[in-house]
């Protein structure tokens, strides 16, 4: 294998291009952020409403849309034309693959063990994934959204568990859906 020697300026330019490419791949046009913000807000606010109306035994039904969202996400990324991968985009994919798998396993198989700690733990995991992604692609919007998701998780430990779905729903709107909409506006402005 023939290794090219780069000047410091060329190395910095290559690193910058790799980060830009990963940033555009994961920020994209905000569609996935909007989709997940809407899915999580719908499921959480439905759960909150069902709990408040005394229907605790079916309050989790809204979360059955989450695996459908996972399939849509997988299909969306599988069909994307950008086949060029780099270390940053690979790290983000691995991070979200692990975080998503853990979220689904915790939500569907350990909910009875974790009980009132489930929502805080899920918010913390989503916050970690979002913060890591924001840091890797150097997006302050995504990084701070992740930090706020993380803080919302810790806030839930201080609240009655009946309020957790409300915190999750509001967090999904403010820190996933709204950033997705802002990314869509930014993307649309860049393509005019």
N, C-alpha and C. Protein backbone atom coordinates (compact mmCIF):
# COMPACT_ATOMS: atom_id res chain seq x y z
N UNK A 1 0.85 -1.18 0.00
CA UNK A 1 0.00 0.00 0.00
C UNK A 1 0.89 1.23 0.00
N UNK A 2 0.59 2.18 -0.84
CA UNK A 2 1.39 3.38 -0.97
C UNK A 2 0.75 4.49 -0.15
N UNK A 3 1.43 4.93 0.90
CA UNK A 3 0.90 5.97 1.78
C UNK A 3 1.33 7.33 1.26
N UNK A 4 0.37 8.21 1.05
CA UNK A 4 0.66 9.57 0.61
C UNK A 4 1.08 10.41 1.79
N UNK A 5 2.01 11.30 1.56
CA UNK A 5 2.42 12.24 2.59
C UNK A 5 1.66 13.54 2.35
N UNK A 6 0.97 14.00 3.39
CA UNK A 6 0.20 15.24 3.30
C UNK A 6 0.89 16.32 4.11
N UNK A 7 0.78 17.53 3.62
CA UNK A 7 1.26 18.67 4.41
C UNK A 7 0.24 18.88 5.53
N UNK A 8 0.61 19.63 6.59
CA UNK A 8 -0.35 19.90 7.66
C UNK A 8 -1.63 20.56 7.13
N UNK A 9 -1.50 21.44 6.15
CA UNK A 9 -2.67 22.11 5.58
C UNK A 9 -3.57 21.11 4.84
N UNK A 10 -2.94 20.20 4.07
CA UNK A 10 -3.71 19.18 3.36
C UNK A 10 -4.41 18.24 4.33
N UNK A 11 -3.71 17.88 5.40
CA UNK A 11 -4.31 16.99 6.41
C UNK A 11 -5.52 17.65 7.05
N UNK A 12 -5.38 18.92 7.41
CA UNK A 12 -6.49 19.66 8.02
C UNK A 12 -7.65 19.77 7.04
N UNK A 13 -7.36 20.03 5.77
CA UNK A 13 -8.41 20.13 4.76
C UNK A 13 -9.13 18.79 4.59
N UNK A 14 -8.39 17.69 4.59
CA UNK A 14 -8.99 16.36 4.47
C UNK A 14 -9.90 16.05 5.66
N UNK A 15 -9.43 16.36 6.86
CA UNK A 15 -10.23 16.13 8.07
C UNK A 15 -11.50 16.97 8.02
N UNK A 16 -11.36 18.23 7.60
CA UNK A 16 -12.52 19.12 7.50
C UNK A 16 -13.53 18.57 6.50
N UNK A 17 -13.08 18.07 5.37
CA UNK A 17 -13.98 17.50 4.36
C UNK A 17 -14.69 16.26 4.89
N UNK A 18 -13.98 15.41 5.62
CA UNK A 18 -14.59 14.20 6.19
C UNK A 18 -15.70 14.59 7.17
N UNK A 19 -15.44 15.59 8.02
CA UNK A 19 -16.45 16.04 8.98
C UNK A 19 -17.63 16.66 8.25
N UNK A 20 -17.38 17.48 7.21
CA UNK A 20 -18.47 18.09 6.44
C UNK A 20 -19.35 17.03 5.79
N UNK A 21 -18.70 16.00 5.22
CA UNK A 21 -19.45 14.94 4.56
C UNK A 21 -20.33 14.19 5.57
N UNK A 22 -19.76 13.86 6.72
CA UNK A 22 -20.54 13.17 7.75
C UNK A 22 -21.65 14.08 8.26
N UNK A 23 -21.34 15.36 8.42
CA UNK A 23 -22.35 16.31 8.90
C UNK A 23 -23.53 16.38 7.93
N UNK A 24 -23.23 16.47 6.64
CA UNK A 24 -24.32 16.55 5.67
C UNK A 24 -25.11 15.25 5.62
N UNK A 25 -24.45 14.13 5.82
CA UNK A 25 -25.16 12.85 5.79
C UNK A 25 -26.11 12.72 6.97
N UNK A 26 -25.68 13.15 8.16
CA UNK A 26 -26.50 12.94 9.33
C UNK A 26 -27.41 14.11 9.64
N UNK A 27 -27.02 15.31 9.29
CA UNK A 27 -27.94 16.43 9.46
C UNK A 27 -28.98 16.38 8.36
N UNK A 28 -28.50 16.06 7.16
CA UNK A 28 -29.34 15.95 5.99
C UNK A 28 -30.32 17.09 5.91
N UNK A 29 -31.57 16.73 5.76
CA UNK A 29 -32.59 17.75 5.63
C UNK A 29 -33.52 17.74 6.82
N UNK A 30 -33.19 17.03 7.87
CA UNK A 30 -33.98 17.03 9.09
C UNK A 30 -35.14 16.06 9.10
N UNK A 31 -35.34 15.31 8.02
CA UNK A 31 -36.50 14.43 7.92
C UNK A 31 -36.51 13.38 9.04
N UNK A 32 -35.40 12.73 9.27
CA UNK A 32 -35.36 11.67 10.29
C UNK A 32 -35.58 12.26 11.68
N UNK A 33 -34.98 13.42 11.95
CA UNK A 33 -35.21 14.06 13.25
C UNK A 33 -36.69 14.40 13.43
N UNK A 34 -37.31 14.94 12.38
CA UNK A 34 -38.73 15.27 12.46
C UNK A 34 -39.57 14.01 12.68
N UNK A 35 -39.23 12.96 11.94
CA UNK A 35 -39.99 11.71 12.08
C UNK A 35 -39.90 11.17 13.51
N UNK A 36 -38.66 11.09 14.04
CA UNK A 36 -38.50 10.55 15.39
C UNK A 36 -39.08 11.47 16.45
N UNK A 37 -38.97 12.78 16.25
CA UNK A 37 -39.58 13.71 17.19
C UNK A 37 -41.09 13.53 17.23
N UNK A 38 -41.70 13.36 16.06
CA UNK A 38 -43.15 13.17 15.99
C UNK A 38 -43.56 11.82 16.58
N UNK A 39 -42.83 10.76 16.25
CA UNK A 39 -43.16 9.42 16.77
C UNK A 39 -43.09 9.40 18.29
N UNK A 40 -41.99 9.91 18.83
CA UNK A 40 -41.81 9.87 20.29
C UNK A 40 -42.80 10.79 20.99
N UNK A 41 -43.05 11.96 20.41
CA UNK A 41 -44.02 12.87 21.03
C UNK A 41 -45.41 12.23 21.02
N UNK A 42 -45.81 11.64 19.90
CA UNK A 42 -47.11 10.99 19.81
C UNK A 42 -47.24 9.89 20.86
N UNK A 43 -46.26 8.98 20.89
CA UNK A 43 -46.34 7.84 21.82
C UNK A 43 -46.35 8.30 23.27
N UNK A 44 -45.48 9.24 23.61
CA UNK A 44 -45.38 9.70 25.00
C UNK A 44 -46.62 10.47 25.43
N UNK A 45 -47.10 11.36 24.58
CA UNK A 45 -48.27 12.15 24.95
C UNK A 45 -49.54 11.30 24.98
N UNK A 46 -49.61 10.29 24.11
CA UNK A 46 -50.72 9.34 24.18
C UNK A 46 -50.67 8.58 25.51
N UNK A 47 -49.47 8.14 25.89
CA UNK A 47 -49.32 7.44 27.16
C UNK A 47 -49.73 8.35 28.32
N UNK A 48 -49.30 9.59 28.27
CA UNK A 48 -49.64 10.53 29.33
C UNK A 48 -51.17 10.69 29.43
N UNK A 49 -51.82 10.85 28.30
CA UNK A 49 -53.27 10.99 28.30
C UNK A 49 -53.98 9.75 28.81
N UNK A 50 -53.50 8.58 28.41
CA UNK A 50 -54.11 7.33 28.87
C UNK A 50 -53.89 7.13 30.38
N UNK A 51 -52.71 7.47 30.85
CA UNK A 51 -52.46 7.35 32.30
C UNK A 51 -53.35 8.30 33.08
N UNK A 52 -53.49 9.51 32.59
CA UNK A 52 -54.32 10.51 33.28
C UNK A 52 -55.81 10.16 33.24
N UNK A 53 -56.22 9.37 32.25
CA UNK A 53 -57.63 8.98 32.16
C UNK A 53 -57.89 7.62 32.83
N UNK A 54 -56.88 7.12 33.54
CA UNK A 54 -57.06 5.88 34.30
C UNK A 54 -56.92 4.61 33.49
N UNK A 55 -56.33 4.67 32.33
CA UNK A 55 -56.17 3.49 31.48
C UNK A 55 -54.73 3.00 31.47
N UNK A 56 -54.19 2.79 32.65
CA UNK A 56 -52.80 2.40 32.82
C UNK A 56 -52.46 1.11 32.09
N UNK A 57 -53.40 0.16 32.06
CA UNK A 57 -53.11 -1.16 31.47
C UNK A 57 -52.84 -1.10 29.96
N UNK A 58 -53.30 -0.07 29.28
CA UNK A 58 -53.03 0.06 27.84
C UNK A 58 -52.20 1.30 27.51
N UNK A 59 -51.66 1.93 28.51
CA UNK A 59 -50.98 3.22 28.31
C UNK A 59 -49.72 3.12 27.45
N UNK A 60 -49.17 1.96 27.31
CA UNK A 60 -47.94 1.79 26.55
C UNK A 60 -48.19 1.48 25.07
N UNK A 61 -49.41 1.33 24.65
CA UNK A 61 -49.72 0.92 23.27
C UNK A 61 -49.13 1.86 22.21
N UNK A 62 -49.04 3.13 22.51
CA UNK A 62 -48.49 4.08 21.54
C UNK A 62 -47.06 3.77 21.14
N UNK A 63 -46.33 3.10 22.01
CA UNK A 63 -44.92 2.81 21.72
C UNK A 63 -44.74 1.70 20.70
N UNK A 64 -45.83 1.02 20.32
CA UNK A 64 -45.71 -0.01 19.28
C UNK A 64 -45.39 0.60 17.92
N UNK A 65 -45.48 1.91 17.79
CA UNK A 65 -45.11 2.58 16.55
C UNK A 65 -43.57 2.70 16.43
N UNK A 66 -42.84 2.57 17.54
CA UNK A 66 -41.38 2.74 17.53
C UNK A 66 -40.68 1.73 16.61
N UNK A 67 -40.99 0.43 16.67
CA UNK A 67 -40.33 -0.48 15.73
C UNK A 67 -40.64 -0.16 14.27
N UNK A 68 -41.83 0.36 14.01
CA UNK A 68 -42.16 0.78 12.65
C UNK A 68 -41.26 1.94 12.24
N UNK A 69 -41.04 2.88 13.16
CA UNK A 69 -40.12 3.99 12.90
C UNK A 69 -38.70 3.50 12.65
N UNK A 70 -38.29 2.48 13.38
CA UNK A 70 -36.95 1.91 13.18
C UNK A 70 -36.83 1.31 11.78
N UNK A 71 -37.86 0.62 11.33
CA UNK A 71 -37.84 0.05 9.98
C UNK A 71 -37.81 1.14 8.91
N UNK A 72 -38.59 2.20 9.13
CA UNK A 72 -38.60 3.31 8.18
C UNK A 72 -37.22 3.97 8.13
N UNK A 73 -36.59 4.16 9.30
CA UNK A 73 -35.25 4.74 9.34
C UNK A 73 -34.26 3.87 8.59
N UNK A 74 -34.31 2.58 8.84
CA UNK A 74 -33.39 1.65 8.18
C UNK A 74 -33.58 1.71 6.67
N UNK A 75 -34.84 1.69 6.24
CA UNK A 75 -35.16 1.75 4.81
C UNK A 75 -34.68 3.07 4.20
N UNK A 76 -34.90 4.15 4.92
CA UNK A 76 -34.51 5.49 4.45
C UNK A 76 -33.00 5.55 4.22
N UNK A 77 -32.22 5.07 5.18
CA UNK A 77 -30.77 5.13 5.04
C UNK A 77 -30.25 4.10 4.05
N UNK A 78 -30.92 2.96 3.93
CA UNK A 78 -30.49 1.95 2.98
C UNK A 78 -30.67 2.43 1.54
N UNK A 79 -31.67 3.25 1.30
CA UNK A 79 -31.94 3.74 -0.05
C UNK A 79 -31.15 4.99 -0.41
N UNK A 80 -30.49 5.58 0.55
CA UNK A 80 -29.73 6.80 0.26
C UNK A 80 -28.61 6.50 -0.71
N UNK A 81 -28.38 7.42 -1.58
CA UNK A 81 -27.37 7.24 -2.62
C UNK A 81 -25.95 7.43 -2.10
N UNK A 82 -25.79 8.21 -1.03
CA UNK A 82 -24.43 8.51 -0.58
C UNK A 82 -23.79 7.24 -0.02
N UNK A 83 -23.00 6.61 -0.85
CA UNK A 83 -22.36 5.37 -0.45
C UNK A 83 -20.97 5.60 0.13
N UNK A 84 -20.47 6.83 0.00
CA UNK A 84 -19.15 7.11 0.56
C UNK A 84 -19.25 7.16 2.08
N UNK A 85 -18.48 6.32 2.69
CA UNK A 85 -18.47 6.27 4.16
C UNK A 85 -17.12 6.79 4.63
N UNK A 86 -17.12 7.34 5.81
CA UNK A 86 -15.88 7.76 6.44
C UNK A 86 -15.96 7.40 7.92
N UNK A 87 -14.90 7.63 8.64
CA UNK A 87 -14.84 7.21 10.04
C UNK A 87 -15.88 7.91 10.90
N UNK A 88 -16.13 9.18 10.64
CA UNK A 88 -17.11 9.92 11.44
C UNK A 88 -18.51 9.34 11.23
N UNK A 89 -18.92 9.14 9.97
CA UNK A 89 -20.26 8.61 9.71
C UNK A 89 -20.37 7.17 10.21
N UNK A 90 -19.30 6.41 10.11
CA UNK A 90 -19.31 5.05 10.64
C UNK A 90 -19.48 5.07 12.15
N UNK A 91 -18.79 5.96 12.84
CA UNK A 91 -18.91 6.06 14.30
C UNK A 91 -20.32 6.48 14.71
N UNK A 92 -20.92 7.39 13.97
CA UNK A 92 -22.28 7.81 14.28
C UNK A 92 -23.25 6.65 14.06
N UNK A 93 -23.08 5.93 12.96
CA UNK A 93 -23.95 4.78 12.69
C UNK A 93 -23.84 3.73 13.79
N UNK A 94 -22.63 3.45 14.21
CA UNK A 94 -22.42 2.46 15.28
C UNK A 94 -23.04 2.96 16.58
N UNK A 95 -22.80 4.23 16.91
CA UNK A 95 -23.36 4.80 18.14
C UNK A 95 -24.87 4.66 18.15
N UNK A 96 -25.54 5.09 17.07
CA UNK A 96 -27.01 5.04 17.04
C UNK A 96 -27.53 3.62 16.92
N UNK A 97 -26.78 2.74 16.27
CA UNK A 97 -27.19 1.34 16.24
C UNK A 97 -27.22 0.75 17.64
N UNK A 98 -26.19 1.01 18.41
CA UNK A 98 -26.11 0.50 19.79
C UNK A 98 -27.15 1.16 20.68
N UNK A 99 -27.26 2.49 20.60
CA UNK A 99 -28.23 3.21 21.42
C UNK A 99 -29.65 2.74 21.09
N UNK A 100 -29.99 2.66 19.80
CA UNK A 100 -31.33 2.24 19.39
C UNK A 100 -31.66 0.83 19.85
N UNK A 101 -30.70 -0.07 19.68
CA UNK A 101 -30.91 -1.45 20.11
C UNK A 101 -31.16 -1.51 21.62
N UNK A 102 -30.38 -0.77 22.37
CA UNK A 102 -30.55 -0.75 23.83
C UNK A 102 -31.88 -0.12 24.23
N UNK A 103 -32.28 0.95 23.55
CA UNK A 103 -33.57 1.58 23.85
C UNK A 103 -34.72 0.61 23.63
N UNK A 104 -34.69 -0.11 22.52
CA UNK A 104 -35.78 -1.05 22.24
C UNK A 104 -35.77 -2.23 23.21
N UNK A 105 -34.60 -2.76 23.51
CA UNK A 105 -34.53 -3.87 24.46
C UNK A 105 -35.02 -3.43 25.83
N UNK A 106 -34.56 -2.27 26.29
CA UNK A 106 -35.02 -1.76 27.59
C UNK A 106 -36.53 -1.53 27.59
N UNK A 107 -37.03 -0.90 26.54
CA UNK A 107 -38.44 -0.54 26.49
C UNK A 107 -39.38 -1.73 26.38
N UNK A 108 -38.98 -2.73 25.61
CA UNK A 108 -39.89 -3.84 25.37
C UNK A 108 -39.66 -5.06 26.26
N UNK A 109 -38.46 -5.20 26.83
CA UNK A 109 -38.17 -6.40 27.61
C UNK A 109 -37.84 -6.14 29.08
N UNK A 110 -37.45 -4.93 29.43
CA UNK A 110 -37.06 -4.64 30.81
C UNK A 110 -37.94 -3.57 31.46
N UNK A 111 -39.06 -3.23 30.82
CA UNK A 111 -39.91 -2.20 31.38
C UNK A 111 -40.46 -2.58 32.75
N UNK A 112 -40.72 -3.85 32.99
CA UNK A 112 -41.24 -4.26 34.29
C UNK A 112 -40.16 -4.25 35.37
N UNK A 113 -38.92 -4.42 34.96
CA UNK A 113 -37.81 -4.37 35.92
C UNK A 113 -37.48 -2.92 36.26
N UNK A 114 -37.41 -2.09 35.24
CA UNK A 114 -37.00 -0.69 35.44
C UNK A 114 -38.13 0.18 35.97
N UNK A 115 -39.35 -0.15 35.63
CA UNK A 115 -40.55 0.56 36.05
C UNK A 115 -40.40 2.07 35.91
N UNK A 116 -40.43 2.82 37.01
CA UNK A 116 -40.41 4.28 36.93
C UNK A 116 -39.06 4.85 36.50
N UNK A 117 -38.04 4.00 36.39
CA UNK A 117 -36.73 4.46 35.94
C UNK A 117 -36.53 4.32 34.43
N UNK A 118 -37.51 3.73 33.74
CA UNK A 118 -37.36 3.48 32.31
C UNK A 118 -37.25 4.77 31.50
N UNK A 119 -38.17 5.68 31.67
CA UNK A 119 -38.15 6.92 30.88
C UNK A 119 -36.91 7.75 31.14
N UNK A 120 -36.50 7.95 32.40
CA UNK A 120 -35.26 8.71 32.60
C UNK A 120 -34.06 8.05 31.91
N UNK A 121 -33.97 6.74 32.01
CA UNK A 121 -32.85 6.03 31.40
C UNK A 121 -32.90 6.17 29.87
N UNK A 122 -34.08 6.09 29.30
CA UNK A 122 -34.20 6.23 27.84
C UNK A 122 -33.83 7.64 27.39
N UNK A 123 -34.26 8.65 28.12
CA UNK A 123 -33.89 10.02 27.78
C UNK A 123 -32.38 10.23 27.89
N UNK A 124 -31.77 9.66 28.90
CA UNK A 124 -30.32 9.78 29.07
C UNK A 124 -29.60 9.11 27.90
N UNK A 125 -30.03 7.91 27.50
CA UNK A 125 -29.40 7.23 26.37
C UNK A 125 -29.59 8.01 25.07
N UNK A 126 -30.80 8.54 24.84
CA UNK A 126 -31.02 9.37 23.65
C UNK A 126 -30.15 10.61 23.70
N UNK A 127 -30.01 11.18 24.89
CA UNK A 127 -29.16 12.35 25.04
C UNK A 127 -27.71 12.06 24.73
N UNK A 128 -27.23 10.90 25.19
CA UNK A 128 -25.84 10.52 24.91
C UNK A 128 -25.63 10.35 23.41
N UNK A 129 -26.52 9.61 22.75
CA UNK A 129 -26.39 9.40 21.31
C UNK A 129 -26.43 10.71 20.53
N UNK A 130 -27.34 11.59 20.92
CA UNK A 130 -27.48 12.87 20.23
C UNK A 130 -26.28 13.77 20.48
N UNK A 131 -25.80 13.80 21.72
CA UNK A 131 -24.64 14.62 22.05
C UNK A 131 -23.38 14.13 21.32
N UNK A 132 -23.17 12.82 21.31
CA UNK A 132 -22.01 12.26 20.60
C UNK A 132 -22.10 12.60 19.11
N UNK A 133 -23.29 12.43 18.52
CA UNK A 133 -23.46 12.76 17.10
C UNK A 133 -23.17 14.24 16.84
N UNK A 134 -23.72 15.10 17.68
CA UNK A 134 -23.48 16.53 17.52
C UNK A 134 -22.01 16.89 17.65
N UNK A 135 -21.32 16.23 18.59
CA UNK A 135 -19.89 16.48 18.74
C UNK A 135 -19.08 16.00 17.55
N UNK A 136 -19.43 14.82 17.04
CA UNK A 136 -18.68 14.28 15.91
C UNK A 136 -18.85 15.10 14.64
N UNK A 137 -20.06 15.59 14.41
CA UNK A 137 -20.28 16.37 13.19
C UNK A 137 -20.14 17.88 13.42
N UNK A 138 -19.78 18.22 14.65
CA UNK A 138 -19.54 19.62 15.02
C UNK A 138 -20.79 20.48 14.78
N UNK A 139 -21.93 19.96 15.21
CA UNK A 139 -23.19 20.70 15.12
C UNK A 139 -23.62 21.09 16.53
N UNK A 140 -23.56 22.38 16.81
CA UNK A 140 -23.95 22.84 18.15
C UNK A 140 -25.43 22.60 18.40
N UNK A 141 -26.26 22.72 17.38
CA UNK A 141 -27.70 22.48 17.51
C UNK A 141 -27.95 21.05 18.01
N UNK A 142 -27.33 20.08 17.38
CA UNK A 142 -27.52 18.67 17.76
C UNK A 142 -26.86 18.39 19.10
N UNK A 143 -25.68 18.93 19.32
CA UNK A 143 -24.98 18.72 20.59
C UNK A 143 -25.80 19.23 21.77
N UNK A 144 -26.30 20.46 21.67
CA UNK A 144 -27.08 21.02 22.78
C UNK A 144 -28.44 20.33 22.93
N UNK A 145 -29.03 19.89 21.83
CA UNK A 145 -30.26 19.11 21.92
C UNK A 145 -30.01 17.85 22.74
N UNK A 146 -28.88 17.20 22.49
CA UNK A 146 -28.52 16.01 23.26
C UNK A 146 -28.31 16.30 24.73
N UNK A 147 -27.66 17.41 25.03
CA UNK A 147 -27.44 17.77 26.43
C UNK A 147 -28.77 18.04 27.14
N UNK A 148 -29.71 18.69 26.43
CA UNK A 148 -31.02 18.94 27.03
C UNK A 148 -31.82 17.65 27.21
N UNK A 149 -31.72 16.71 26.26
CA UNK A 149 -32.37 15.41 26.42
C UNK A 149 -31.81 14.70 27.66
N UNK A 150 -30.50 14.77 27.80
CA UNK A 150 -29.84 14.16 28.96
C UNK A 150 -30.34 14.79 30.25
N UNK A 151 -30.41 16.10 30.29
CA UNK A 151 -30.88 16.81 31.49
C UNK A 151 -32.34 16.46 31.79
N UNK A 152 -33.15 16.30 30.74
CA UNK A 152 -34.56 15.91 30.94
C UNK A 152 -34.65 14.53 31.59
N UNK A 153 -33.74 13.65 31.22
CA UNK A 153 -33.70 12.33 31.84
C UNK A 153 -33.42 12.42 33.33
N UNK A 154 -32.46 13.23 33.70
CA UNK A 154 -32.14 13.39 35.11
C UNK A 154 -33.27 14.11 35.86
N UNK A 155 -33.94 15.03 35.18
CA UNK A 155 -35.09 15.70 35.78
C UNK A 155 -36.18 14.69 36.13
N UNK A 156 -36.40 13.71 35.28
CA UNK A 156 -37.44 12.71 35.52
C UNK A 156 -37.23 11.94 36.82
N UNK A 157 -35.98 11.75 37.23
CA UNK A 157 -35.73 11.05 38.50
C UNK A 157 -36.32 11.82 39.68
N UNK A 158 -36.53 13.13 39.49
CA UNK A 158 -37.06 13.97 40.57
C UNK A 158 -38.58 14.10 40.53
N UNK A 159 -39.19 13.58 39.46
CA UNK A 159 -40.64 13.75 39.27
C UNK A 159 -41.38 12.44 39.53
N UNK A 160 -42.67 12.58 39.79
CA UNK A 160 -43.53 11.41 39.89
C UNK A 160 -43.55 10.72 38.52
N UNK A 161 -43.55 9.39 38.51
CA UNK A 161 -43.46 8.65 37.26
C UNK A 161 -44.62 8.94 36.31
N UNK A 162 -45.74 9.39 36.83
CA UNK A 162 -46.88 9.72 35.97
C UNK A 162 -46.58 10.93 35.07
N UNK A 163 -45.60 11.74 35.45
CA UNK A 163 -45.22 12.91 34.66
C UNK A 163 -44.14 12.60 33.63
N UNK A 164 -43.52 11.43 33.72
CA UNK A 164 -42.43 11.08 32.81
C UNK A 164 -42.84 11.11 31.33
N UNK A 165 -44.01 10.55 30.96
CA UNK A 165 -44.38 10.63 29.54
C UNK A 165 -44.55 12.07 29.05
N UNK A 166 -45.02 12.94 29.93
CA UNK A 166 -45.16 14.35 29.55
C UNK A 166 -43.78 14.96 29.28
N UNK A 167 -42.81 14.67 30.15
CA UNK A 167 -41.45 15.19 29.94
C UNK A 167 -40.86 14.62 28.65
N UNK A 168 -41.07 13.32 28.40
CA UNK A 168 -40.57 12.71 27.17
C UNK A 168 -41.23 13.35 25.95
N UNK A 169 -42.54 13.55 25.99
CA UNK A 169 -43.24 14.15 24.86
C UNK A 169 -42.77 15.56 24.57
N UNK A 170 -42.65 16.37 25.61
CA UNK A 170 -42.18 17.75 25.44
C UNK A 170 -40.73 17.75 24.95
N UNK A 171 -39.90 16.87 25.52
CA UNK A 171 -38.50 16.79 25.09
C UNK A 171 -38.39 16.37 23.63
N UNK A 172 -39.23 15.42 23.21
CA UNK A 172 -39.21 14.98 21.81
C UNK A 172 -39.55 16.13 20.88
N UNK A 173 -40.50 16.96 21.29
CA UNK A 173 -40.88 18.11 20.46
C UNK A 173 -39.77 19.15 20.44
N UNK A 174 -39.28 19.54 21.63
CA UNK A 174 -38.31 20.63 21.73
C UNK A 174 -36.90 20.25 21.26
N UNK A 175 -36.47 19.02 21.53
CA UNK A 175 -35.07 18.67 21.32
C UNK A 175 -34.84 17.67 20.19
N UNK A 176 -35.92 17.22 19.53
CA UNK A 176 -35.75 16.34 18.37
C UNK A 176 -36.54 16.92 17.18
N UNK A 177 -37.84 17.15 17.36
CA UNK A 177 -38.67 17.65 16.27
C UNK A 177 -38.28 19.07 15.85
N UNK A 178 -38.16 19.99 16.80
CA UNK A 178 -37.81 21.37 16.46
C UNK A 178 -36.43 21.46 15.82
N UNK A 179 -35.38 20.79 16.36
CA UNK A 179 -34.10 20.81 15.64
C UNK A 179 -34.23 20.23 14.23
N UNK A 180 -35.06 19.20 14.06
CA UNK A 180 -35.29 18.65 12.73
C UNK A 180 -35.90 19.68 11.79
N UNK A 181 -36.88 20.43 12.30
CA UNK A 181 -37.49 21.48 11.48
C UNK A 181 -36.47 22.57 11.14
N UNK A 182 -35.62 22.93 12.11
CA UNK A 182 -34.59 23.94 11.85
C UNK A 182 -33.60 23.43 10.81
N UNK A 183 -33.26 22.14 10.86
CA UNK A 183 -32.38 21.57 9.84
C UNK A 183 -33.04 21.60 8.46
N UNK A 184 -34.34 21.34 8.43
CA UNK A 184 -35.07 21.40 7.15
C UNK A 184 -35.03 22.81 6.57
N UNK A 185 -35.25 23.80 7.42
CA UNK A 185 -35.21 25.19 6.97
C UNK A 185 -33.81 25.54 6.47
N UNK A 186 -32.80 25.14 7.23
CA UNK A 186 -31.41 25.40 6.83
C UNK A 186 -31.09 24.71 5.51
N UNK A 187 -31.52 23.46 5.38
CA UNK A 187 -31.27 22.69 4.16
C UNK A 187 -31.97 23.34 2.96
N UNK A 188 -33.21 23.76 3.16
CA UNK A 188 -33.97 24.40 2.09
C UNK A 188 -33.30 25.70 1.69
N UNK A 189 -32.79 26.47 2.66
CA UNK A 189 -32.11 27.73 2.38
C UNK A 189 -30.81 27.50 1.62
N UNK A 190 -30.12 26.39 1.89
CA UNK A 190 -28.87 26.10 1.20
C UNK A 190 -29.10 25.60 -0.23
N UNK A 191 -30.30 25.12 -0.52
CA UNK A 191 -30.59 24.58 -1.85
C UNK A 191 -31.41 25.53 -2.72
N UNK A 192 -31.55 26.75 -2.29
CA UNK A 192 -32.35 27.72 -3.08
C UNK A 192 -31.50 28.28 -4.18
